[in-house]
Amino acid sequence: MSEGIFINYNDGRPVMAITAGLRAPSFCTTFSGWSSQSMQYPVNTPLAPGSQVIVVPTNPIYIYSFAEFDVAIMTGVTRNGDAGVIIGAETIGGKALTPDWSGYVMELLPAATYN
């Protein structure tokens, strides 16, 4: 059998062999709390060379003040080499704010090559 994912429920249904380049995400880290920098949120975690990064926010918006409507919103993710990611911020109130967000960082490891 070729390499991949083999699923057999042993209940009479046919078995499934998934081999078409499927890659599962690998967990890297979680992040939460106040950022150490204004208008961005660096997340330090080792990443495999050539992997694709996935950031799953659990709290992508933080409201600082209802009266002045100061809100920090996640706008994008930039890979920081193999040392982690930097999440960009934008504010609705126009002030430079320190984000308070949370979420998960995962990566899709590069596909293995066989001869």
N, C-alpha and C. Protein backbone atom coordinates (compact mmCIF):
# COMPACT_ATOMS: atom_id res chain seq x y z
N MET A 1 0.84 -1.19 0.00
CA MET A 1 0.00 0.00 0.00
C MET A 1 0.88 1.25 0.00
N SER A 2 0.44 2.27 -0.68
CA SER A 2 1.19 3.53 -0.69
C SER A 2 1.07 4.22 0.66
N GLU A 3 1.92 5.23 0.88
CA GLU A 3 1.91 5.94 2.16
C GLU A 3 0.80 6.98 2.17
N GLY A 4 0.29 7.28 3.36
CA GLY A 4 -0.78 8.25 3.51
C GLY A 4 -1.58 7.94 4.75
N ILE A 5 -2.87 8.22 4.71
CA ILE A 5 -3.76 7.95 5.84
C ILE A 5 -4.65 6.77 5.46
N PHE A 6 -4.68 5.77 6.33
CA PHE A 6 -5.49 4.57 6.11
C PHE A 6 -6.57 4.52 7.19
N ILE A 7 -7.84 4.53 6.78
CA ILE A 7 -8.97 4.51 7.72
C ILE A 7 -9.79 3.26 7.46
N ASN A 8 -9.98 2.45 8.52
CA ASN A 8 -10.78 1.24 8.42
C ASN A 8 -11.68 1.17 9.64
N TYR A 9 -12.98 1.34 9.44
CA TYR A 9 -13.93 1.32 10.56
C TYR A 9 -14.29 -0.09 11.00
N ASN A 10 -13.93 -1.10 10.22
CA ASN A 10 -14.24 -2.51 10.53
C ASN A 10 -15.74 -2.74 10.77
N ASP A 11 -16.58 -2.07 9.98
CA ASP A 11 -18.03 -2.25 10.12
C ASP A 11 -18.69 -2.59 8.79
N GLY A 12 -17.91 -3.05 7.84
CA GLY A 12 -18.46 -3.43 6.55
C GLY A 12 -18.31 -2.37 5.48
N ARG A 13 -18.07 -1.13 5.88
CA ARG A 13 -17.84 -0.08 4.88
C ARG A 13 -16.46 -0.27 4.25
N PRO A 14 -16.28 0.21 3.03
CA PRO A 14 -14.96 0.07 2.42
C PRO A 14 -13.92 0.93 3.16
N VAL A 15 -12.68 0.46 3.12
CA VAL A 15 -11.60 1.21 3.76
C VAL A 15 -11.28 2.43 2.91
N MET A 16 -10.68 3.44 3.55
CA MET A 16 -10.28 4.66 2.85
C MET A 16 -8.77 4.79 2.92
N ALA A 17 -8.14 5.01 1.80
CA ALA A 17 -6.71 5.26 1.74
C ALA A 17 -6.53 6.63 1.10
N ILE A 18 -6.15 7.61 1.90
CA ILE A 18 -5.99 8.98 1.42
C ILE A 18 -4.51 9.22 1.19
N THR A 19 -4.13 9.35 -0.07
CA THR A 19 -2.71 9.48 -0.40
C THR A 19 -2.42 10.65 -1.33
N ALA A 20 -3.38 11.48 -1.63
CA ALA A 20 -3.23 12.52 -2.65
C ALA A 20 -2.63 13.80 -2.09
N GLY A 21 -1.46 13.72 -1.46
CA GLY A 21 -0.78 14.92 -1.00
C GLY A 21 -1.43 15.58 0.19
N LEU A 22 -2.24 14.87 0.94
CA LEU A 22 -2.90 15.44 2.11
C LEU A 22 -1.88 15.70 3.21
N ARG A 23 -1.96 16.88 3.81
CA ARG A 23 -1.07 17.22 4.93
C ARG A 23 -1.92 17.70 6.09
N ALA A 24 -1.61 17.23 7.27
CA ALA A 24 -2.34 17.63 8.47
C ALA A 24 -1.59 18.74 9.19
N PRO A 25 -2.32 19.67 9.84
CA PRO A 25 -1.62 20.74 10.57
C PRO A 25 -0.91 20.21 11.80
N SER A 26 0.22 20.82 12.09
CA SER A 26 1.02 20.48 13.27
C SER A 26 0.91 21.65 14.25
N PHE A 27 0.55 21.36 15.50
CA PHE A 27 0.39 22.40 16.52
C PHE A 27 1.75 22.99 16.89
N CYS A 28 1.83 24.33 16.97
CA CYS A 28 3.07 25.00 17.36
C CYS A 28 2.95 25.61 18.76
N THR A 29 1.99 26.50 18.96
CA THR A 29 1.86 27.17 20.25
C THR A 29 0.51 27.89 20.34
N THR A 30 0.22 28.39 21.53
CA THR A 30 -0.91 29.29 21.74
C THR A 30 -0.35 30.66 22.09
N PHE A 31 -1.17 31.68 21.95
CA PHE A 31 -0.77 33.01 22.40
C PHE A 31 -1.97 33.68 23.04
N SER A 32 -1.70 34.50 24.05
CA SER A 32 -2.76 35.27 24.70
C SER A 32 -2.12 36.35 25.55
N GLY A 33 -2.89 37.39 25.81
CA GLY A 33 -2.41 38.48 26.65
C GLY A 33 -1.98 39.69 25.85
N TRP A 34 -1.39 40.63 26.55
CA TRP A 34 -0.97 41.89 25.94
C TRP A 34 0.30 41.68 25.13
N SER A 35 0.38 42.38 24.02
CA SER A 35 1.57 42.33 23.18
C SER A 35 2.71 43.11 23.83
N SER A 36 3.92 42.77 23.45
CA SER A 36 5.09 43.50 23.93
C SER A 36 5.39 44.72 23.06
N GLN A 37 4.67 44.87 21.94
CA GLN A 37 4.92 45.97 21.01
C GLN A 37 3.61 46.65 20.63
N SER A 38 3.73 47.91 20.27
CA SER A 38 2.56 48.67 19.85
C SER A 38 2.21 48.34 18.40
N MET A 39 0.94 48.15 18.12
CA MET A 39 0.38 47.95 16.78
C MET A 39 0.81 46.65 16.10
N GLN A 40 1.39 45.72 16.83
CA GLN A 40 1.67 44.39 16.30
C GLN A 40 1.81 43.40 17.45
N TYR A 41 1.70 42.12 17.12
CA TYR A 41 1.72 41.08 18.14
C TYR A 41 2.70 40.00 17.68
N PRO A 42 3.95 40.02 18.15
CA PRO A 42 4.89 38.96 17.77
C PRO A 42 4.62 37.68 18.56
N VAL A 43 4.65 36.55 17.87
CA VAL A 43 4.50 35.24 18.51
C VAL A 43 5.74 34.43 18.16
N ASN A 44 6.56 34.15 19.16
CA ASN A 44 7.81 33.42 18.95
C ASN A 44 7.57 31.93 19.13
N THR A 45 7.82 31.17 18.08
CA THR A 45 7.72 29.71 18.11
C THR A 45 8.56 29.16 16.97
N PRO A 46 9.28 28.07 17.18
CA PRO A 46 10.07 27.52 16.07
C PRO A 46 9.16 26.96 14.98
N LEU A 47 9.51 27.25 13.73
CA LEU A 47 8.76 26.76 12.57
C LEU A 47 9.69 25.96 11.68
N ALA A 48 9.16 24.93 11.04
CA ALA A 48 9.95 24.11 10.13
C ALA A 48 10.20 24.88 8.84
N PRO A 49 11.41 24.81 8.30
CA PRO A 49 11.68 25.48 7.02
C PRO A 49 10.77 24.94 5.92
N GLY A 50 10.16 25.83 5.16
CA GLY A 50 9.29 25.44 4.06
C GLY A 50 7.86 25.14 4.44
N SER A 51 7.51 25.27 5.72
CA SER A 51 6.14 24.98 6.14
C SER A 51 5.24 26.18 5.86
N GLN A 52 3.94 25.94 5.86
CA GLN A 52 2.94 27.00 5.72
C GLN A 52 2.32 27.25 7.08
N VAL A 53 2.26 28.52 7.49
CA VAL A 53 1.78 28.88 8.83
C VAL A 53 0.28 29.15 8.80
N ILE A 54 -0.40 28.69 9.84
CA ILE A 54 -1.83 28.95 10.03
C ILE A 54 -2.01 29.59 11.40
N VAL A 55 -2.66 30.74 11.46
CA VAL A 55 -2.98 31.39 12.73
C VAL A 55 -4.50 31.35 12.89
N VAL A 56 -4.95 30.77 14.00
CA VAL A 56 -6.38 30.67 14.28
C VAL A 56 -6.68 31.56 15.48
N PRO A 57 -7.24 32.76 15.24
CA PRO A 57 -7.53 33.65 16.37
C PRO A 57 -8.77 33.20 17.14
N THR A 58 -8.68 33.28 18.46
CA THR A 58 -9.86 33.02 19.30
C THR A 58 -10.42 34.33 19.85
N ASN A 59 -9.64 35.39 19.77
CA ASN A 59 -10.08 36.73 20.18
C ASN A 59 -9.39 37.74 19.26
N PRO A 60 -9.89 37.93 18.02
CA PRO A 60 -9.20 38.78 17.05
C PRO A 60 -9.46 40.27 17.19
N ILE A 61 -10.36 40.66 18.09
CA ILE A 61 -10.69 42.07 18.28
C ILE A 61 -10.63 42.37 19.77
N TYR A 62 -10.05 43.52 20.11
CA TYR A 62 -10.03 43.93 21.52
C TYR A 62 -10.56 45.35 21.60
N ILE A 63 -11.57 45.57 22.43
CA ILE A 63 -12.16 46.90 22.61
C ILE A 63 -11.56 47.52 23.86
N TYR A 64 -10.88 48.64 23.69
CA TYR A 64 -10.24 49.33 24.81
C TYR A 64 -11.19 50.27 25.52
N SER A 65 -11.99 50.97 24.73
CA SER A 65 -12.86 51.98 25.31
C SER A 65 -14.13 52.08 24.48
N PHE A 66 -15.27 51.89 25.12
CA PHE A 66 -16.54 52.07 24.41
C PHE A 66 -16.83 53.55 24.16
N ALA A 67 -16.39 54.41 25.07
CA ALA A 67 -16.68 55.84 24.95
C ALA A 67 -15.96 56.45 23.75
N GLU A 68 -14.68 56.10 23.57
CA GLU A 68 -13.91 56.67 22.45
C GLU A 68 -13.82 55.72 21.27
N PHE A 69 -14.39 54.53 21.40
CA PHE A 69 -14.40 53.50 20.36
C PHE A 69 -12.99 53.16 19.90
N ASP A 70 -12.11 52.88 20.86
CA ASP A 70 -10.76 52.43 20.55
C ASP A 70 -10.77 50.91 20.43
N VAL A 71 -10.55 50.42 19.21
CA VAL A 71 -10.62 48.99 18.93
C VAL A 71 -9.38 48.58 18.15
N ALA A 72 -8.73 47.49 18.56
CA ALA A 72 -7.60 46.92 17.81
C ALA A 72 -8.06 45.65 17.11
N ILE A 73 -7.80 45.56 15.80
CA ILE A 73 -8.25 44.45 14.97
C ILE A 73 -7.05 43.79 14.32
N MET A 74 -7.03 42.44 14.27
CA MET A 74 -5.99 41.73 13.53
C MET A 74 -6.18 41.99 12.05
N THR A 75 -5.08 42.36 11.37
CA THR A 75 -5.19 42.66 9.95
C THR A 75 -4.43 41.70 9.06
N GLY A 76 -3.40 41.06 9.56
CA GLY A 76 -2.62 40.15 8.73
C GLY A 76 -1.53 39.47 9.53
N VAL A 77 -0.97 38.43 8.93
CA VAL A 77 0.09 37.65 9.58
C VAL A 77 1.30 37.63 8.66
N THR A 78 2.47 37.92 9.22
CA THR A 78 3.73 37.87 8.50
C THR A 78 4.63 36.84 9.15
N ARG A 79 5.18 35.96 8.36
CA ARG A 79 6.11 34.96 8.89
C ARG A 79 7.43 35.65 9.21
N ASN A 80 7.98 35.36 10.38
CA ASN A 80 9.25 35.94 10.84
C ASN A 80 10.34 34.88 10.69
N GLY A 81 10.68 34.55 9.44
CA GLY A 81 11.65 33.49 9.18
C GLY A 81 11.13 32.17 9.72
N ASP A 82 11.99 31.45 10.44
CA ASP A 82 11.58 30.21 11.09
C ASP A 82 11.44 30.41 12.59
N ALA A 83 11.31 31.68 13.02
CA ALA A 83 11.26 32.00 14.46
C ALA A 83 9.86 32.36 14.95
N GLY A 84 8.84 32.33 14.09
CA GLY A 84 7.50 32.66 14.52
C GLY A 84 6.78 33.55 13.54
N VAL A 85 5.78 34.27 14.03
CA VAL A 85 4.97 35.15 13.19
C VAL A 85 4.79 36.50 13.87
N ILE A 86 4.44 37.50 13.08
CA ILE A 86 4.09 38.81 13.59
C ILE A 86 2.69 39.13 13.06
N ILE A 87 1.77 39.37 13.97
CA ILE A 87 0.39 39.67 13.61
C ILE A 87 0.22 41.18 13.60
N GLY A 88 -0.23 41.72 12.48
CA GLY A 88 -0.41 43.15 12.33
C GLY A 88 -1.72 43.63 12.93
N ALA A 89 -1.74 44.90 13.31
CA ALA A 89 -2.92 45.49 13.93
C ALA A 89 -3.36 46.74 13.19
N GLU A 90 -4.65 47.01 13.28
CA GLU A 90 -5.22 48.25 12.79
C GLU A 90 -6.20 48.72 13.86
N THR A 91 -6.31 50.03 14.02
CA THR A 91 -7.24 50.54 15.02
C THR A 91 -8.33 51.35 14.36
N ILE A 92 -9.50 51.28 14.94
CA ILE A 92 -10.62 52.07 14.44
C ILE A 92 -10.57 53.47 15.03
N GLY A 93 -10.13 53.60 16.27
CA GLY A 93 -10.07 54.90 16.91
C GLY A 93 -8.92 55.77 16.45
N GLY A 94 -7.97 55.19 15.70
CA GLY A 94 -6.86 55.98 15.18
C GLY A 94 -5.66 56.08 16.10
N LYS A 95 -5.74 55.53 17.30
CA LYS A 95 -4.62 55.58 18.23
C LYS A 95 -3.70 54.38 18.02
N ALA A 96 -2.43 54.53 18.39
CA ALA A 96 -1.50 53.41 18.41
C ALA A 96 -1.71 52.65 19.71
N LEU A 97 -2.21 51.42 19.61
CA LEU A 97 -2.58 50.64 20.78
C LEU A 97 -1.73 49.38 20.89
N THR A 98 -1.69 48.83 22.08
CA THR A 98 -1.02 47.55 22.33
C THR A 98 -2.09 46.46 22.32
N PRO A 99 -2.03 45.52 21.36
CA PRO A 99 -3.10 44.52 21.24
C PRO A 99 -3.14 43.53 22.40
N ASP A 100 -4.33 43.06 22.70
CA ASP A 100 -4.57 42.00 23.68
C ASP A 100 -5.41 40.94 22.99
N TRP A 101 -4.75 39.96 22.37
CA TRP A 101 -5.41 38.95 21.57
C TRP A 101 -5.07 37.56 22.08
N SER A 102 -5.73 36.55 21.50
CA SER A 102 -5.40 35.17 21.81
C SER A 102 -5.70 34.30 20.60
N GLY A 103 -5.05 33.13 20.55
CA GLY A 103 -5.27 32.21 19.45
C GLY A 103 -4.25 31.10 19.43
N TYR A 104 -4.19 30.40 18.30
CA TYR A 104 -3.30 29.26 18.11
C TYR A 104 -2.44 29.48 16.87
N VAL A 105 -1.23 28.95 16.89
CA VAL A 105 -0.36 28.94 15.72
C VAL A 105 -0.11 27.48 15.36
N MET A 106 -0.37 27.13 14.09
CA MET A 106 -0.12 25.79 13.57
C MET A 106 0.64 25.93 12.26
N GLU A 107 1.17 24.82 11.78
CA GLU A 107 1.87 24.85 10.50
C GLU A 107 1.57 23.58 9.73
N LEU A 108 1.55 23.73 8.40
CA LEU A 108 1.48 22.58 7.51
C LEU A 108 2.91 22.26 7.11
N LEU A 109 3.39 21.11 7.53
CA LEU A 109 4.77 20.73 7.24
C LEU A 109 4.93 20.45 5.76
N PRO A 110 6.13 20.68 5.22
CA PRO A 110 6.33 20.44 3.80
C PRO A 110 6.12 18.96 3.46
N ALA A 111 5.59 18.70 2.27
CA ALA A 111 5.36 17.33 1.85
C ALA A 111 6.69 16.63 1.64
N ALA A 112 6.77 15.39 2.06
CA ALA A 112 7.99 14.61 1.89
C ALA A 112 8.12 14.18 0.43
N THR A 113 9.34 14.05 -0.02
CA THR A 113 9.60 13.64 -1.40
C THR A 113 10.24 12.27 -1.39
N TYR A 114 9.69 11.36 -2.17
CA TYR A 114 10.22 10.00 -2.24
C TYR A 114 10.63 9.70 -3.67
N ASN A 115 11.65 8.87 -3.84
CA ASN A 115 12.10 8.45 -5.18
C ASN A 115 11.47 7.11 -5.54
